[in-house]
Protein backbone atom coordinates (compact mmCIF):
# COMPACT_ATOMS: atom_id res chain seq x y z
CA MET A 1 -43.28 80.45 -3.05
CA ILE A 2 -41.83 76.93 -3.20
CA LYS A 3 -39.23 77.77 -0.54
CA ASN A 4 -41.99 78.99 1.82
CA LEU A 5 -44.01 75.81 1.35
CA SER A 6 -40.89 73.73 2.02
CA PHE A 7 -40.27 75.63 5.25
CA VAL A 8 -43.92 75.23 6.36
CA PHE A 9 -43.80 71.50 5.59
CA SER A 10 -40.52 71.13 7.51
CA ALA A 11 -41.90 73.05 10.48
CA LEU A 12 -45.09 70.97 10.55
CA LEU A 13 -43.05 67.77 10.31
CA LEU A 14 -40.83 68.86 13.24
CA PHE A 15 -43.77 69.85 15.39
CA GLY A 16 -45.52 66.57 14.56
CA CYS A 17 -42.44 64.63 15.64
CA ALA A 18 -42.20 66.49 18.95
CA THR A 19 -45.86 66.02 19.91
CA PRO A 20 -45.49 62.92 22.16
CA GLN A 21 -42.58 64.50 24.02
CA LEU A 22 -44.42 67.78 24.45
CA ARG A 23 -47.45 65.95 25.82
CA ALA A 24 -45.23 64.10 28.32
CA VAL A 25 -43.68 67.36 29.51
CA LYS A 26 -47.05 69.07 29.84
CA ALA A 27 -48.38 66.08 31.80
CA ALA A 28 -45.50 66.30 34.24
CA ARG A 29 -47.20 68.79 36.52
CA ASP A 30 -45.69 67.13 39.60
CA LEU A 31 -42.15 68.00 38.43
CA PRO A 32 -40.28 71.29 38.72
CA HIS A 33 -39.95 73.40 35.59
CA GLN A 34 -36.18 73.09 35.73
CA ALA A 35 -33.52 71.10 37.54
CA LEU A 36 -29.85 71.87 38.14
CA ILE A 37 -27.43 69.14 39.10
CA ALA A 38 -24.39 71.24 39.95
CA ASP A 39 -21.99 68.53 41.10
CA VAL A 40 -21.52 66.80 37.72
CA PRO A 41 -17.92 67.42 36.64
CA PHE A 42 -17.41 68.71 33.08
CA ILE A 43 -15.04 66.81 30.82
CA ALA A 44 -14.35 68.25 27.38
CA GLN A 45 -14.68 65.73 24.60
CA THR A 46 -12.40 65.13 21.66
CA LYS A 47 -13.84 64.56 18.19
CA ASN A 48 -16.54 61.86 18.16
CA HIS A 49 -15.84 60.96 21.80
CA CYS A 50 -18.98 62.35 23.42
CA GLY A 51 -19.85 58.86 24.70
CA PRO A 52 -16.59 58.31 26.61
CA ALA A 53 -16.64 61.89 27.93
CA ALA A 54 -20.27 61.62 29.10
CA MET A 55 -19.63 58.26 30.73
CA ALA A 56 -16.55 59.67 32.52
CA MET A 57 -18.68 62.53 33.85
CA MET A 58 -21.31 60.14 35.17
CA LEU A 59 -18.72 57.84 36.80
CA ARG A 60 -16.93 60.78 38.42
CA TRP A 61 -20.21 62.18 39.69
CA SER A 62 -21.16 58.91 41.35
CA ALA A 63 -17.69 58.52 42.88
CA LYS A 64 -17.74 62.11 44.15
CA ALA A 65 -21.19 61.66 45.60
CA GLY A 66 -19.79 58.84 47.76
CA ARG A 67 -21.47 56.08 45.90
CA LEU A 68 -18.26 54.23 45.08
CA ASN A 69 -14.63 54.62 46.00
CA GLU A 70 -12.42 54.33 42.94
CA ALA A 71 -9.94 56.29 40.85
CA PRO A 72 -11.57 58.82 38.54
CA ALA A 73 -12.35 57.46 35.11
CA THR A 74 -10.88 59.29 32.15
CA SER A 75 -12.51 59.60 28.77
CA GLU A 76 -9.38 58.13 27.23
CA ASP A 77 -9.68 54.97 29.34
CA LEU A 78 -13.38 54.68 28.56
CA ALA A 79 -12.90 55.18 24.81
CA ALA A 80 -11.46 51.66 24.59
CA GLN A 81 -14.64 50.36 26.20
CA VAL A 82 -17.40 52.41 24.54
CA PHE A 83 -16.11 53.97 21.33
CA THR A 84 -16.69 52.16 18.02
CA PRO A 85 -14.40 53.69 15.36
CA GLY A 86 -16.39 52.30 12.41
CA ARG A 87 -19.51 54.05 13.71
CA GLU A 88 -17.65 57.13 14.88
CA GLY A 89 -19.53 57.00 18.12
CA SER A 90 -20.75 54.88 21.00
CA LEU A 91 -23.40 52.19 20.99
CA GLN A 92 -26.02 51.95 23.74
CA THR A 93 -25.05 48.39 24.64
CA ASP A 94 -21.41 49.41 25.13
CA MET A 95 -22.42 52.36 27.32
CA LEU A 96 -24.64 50.14 29.48
CA ALA A 97 -21.92 47.52 29.81
CA ALA A 98 -19.26 50.08 30.72
CA GLY A 99 -21.40 51.55 33.48
CA ARG A 100 -22.09 48.15 34.89
CA ARG A 101 -18.43 47.16 34.53
CA HIS A 102 -17.62 50.08 36.81
CA GLY A 103 -20.10 48.88 39.43
CA ARG A 104 -22.97 51.23 38.64
CA LEU A 105 -26.60 50.34 38.36
CA VAL A 106 -27.42 51.34 34.81
CA VAL A 107 -31.07 51.43 33.85
CA PRO A 108 -32.32 52.45 30.43
CA ILE A 109 -35.18 54.92 30.69
CA ARG A 110 -37.50 55.10 27.72
CA ASP A 111 -40.18 57.30 29.30
CA LEU A 112 -39.67 61.07 29.33
CA HIS A 113 -41.58 61.55 32.60
CA LEU A 114 -39.32 59.04 34.36
CA LEU A 115 -36.26 60.72 32.91
CA LEU A 116 -37.42 64.14 34.15
CA SER A 117 -38.22 62.58 37.55
CA GLU A 118 -34.66 61.33 37.89
CA MET A 119 -33.34 64.77 37.13
CA ALA A 120 -35.76 66.38 39.61
CA ALA A 121 -34.46 63.94 42.25
CA GLY A 122 -30.92 65.21 41.65
CA ASN A 123 -29.65 62.36 39.55
CA PRO A 124 -27.88 63.16 36.29
CA VAL A 125 -28.99 61.20 33.27
CA LEU A 126 -26.98 60.24 30.22
CA VAL A 127 -29.03 60.66 27.06
CA LEU A 128 -28.08 58.81 23.90
CA GLN A 129 -28.83 61.03 20.89
CA ASN A 130 -29.29 58.93 17.78
CA LEU A 131 -28.05 60.97 14.83
CA GLY A 132 -28.45 58.10 12.37
CA LEU A 133 -31.71 59.48 11.01
């Protein structure tokens, strides 16, 4: 019985946390139900290097799309700019600075509707997932 109550409490807690995001998605009636941005190159990450790999994908996409002419960025090169060994990950400020250092307009988006709008317009977005709960 205790295990079942624990599960119910956990499920209610998770649904409660997701409520603002679900409302934003439901309110986005002007957006398509799904978006595919097929031209984003895939770069496999090494352990704890999701930040450098994701940044390399974004930089290569923008170069490929004709936005800038430069040599393709590698995740190894970007690791020196965005990876913080003591945190075993990348900080938002480092990711913003690296994008700008490479000549990109980097804009933090804190609104889910705006994020979905960017994706619907064909622009890939880089989402920072904070696992330091």
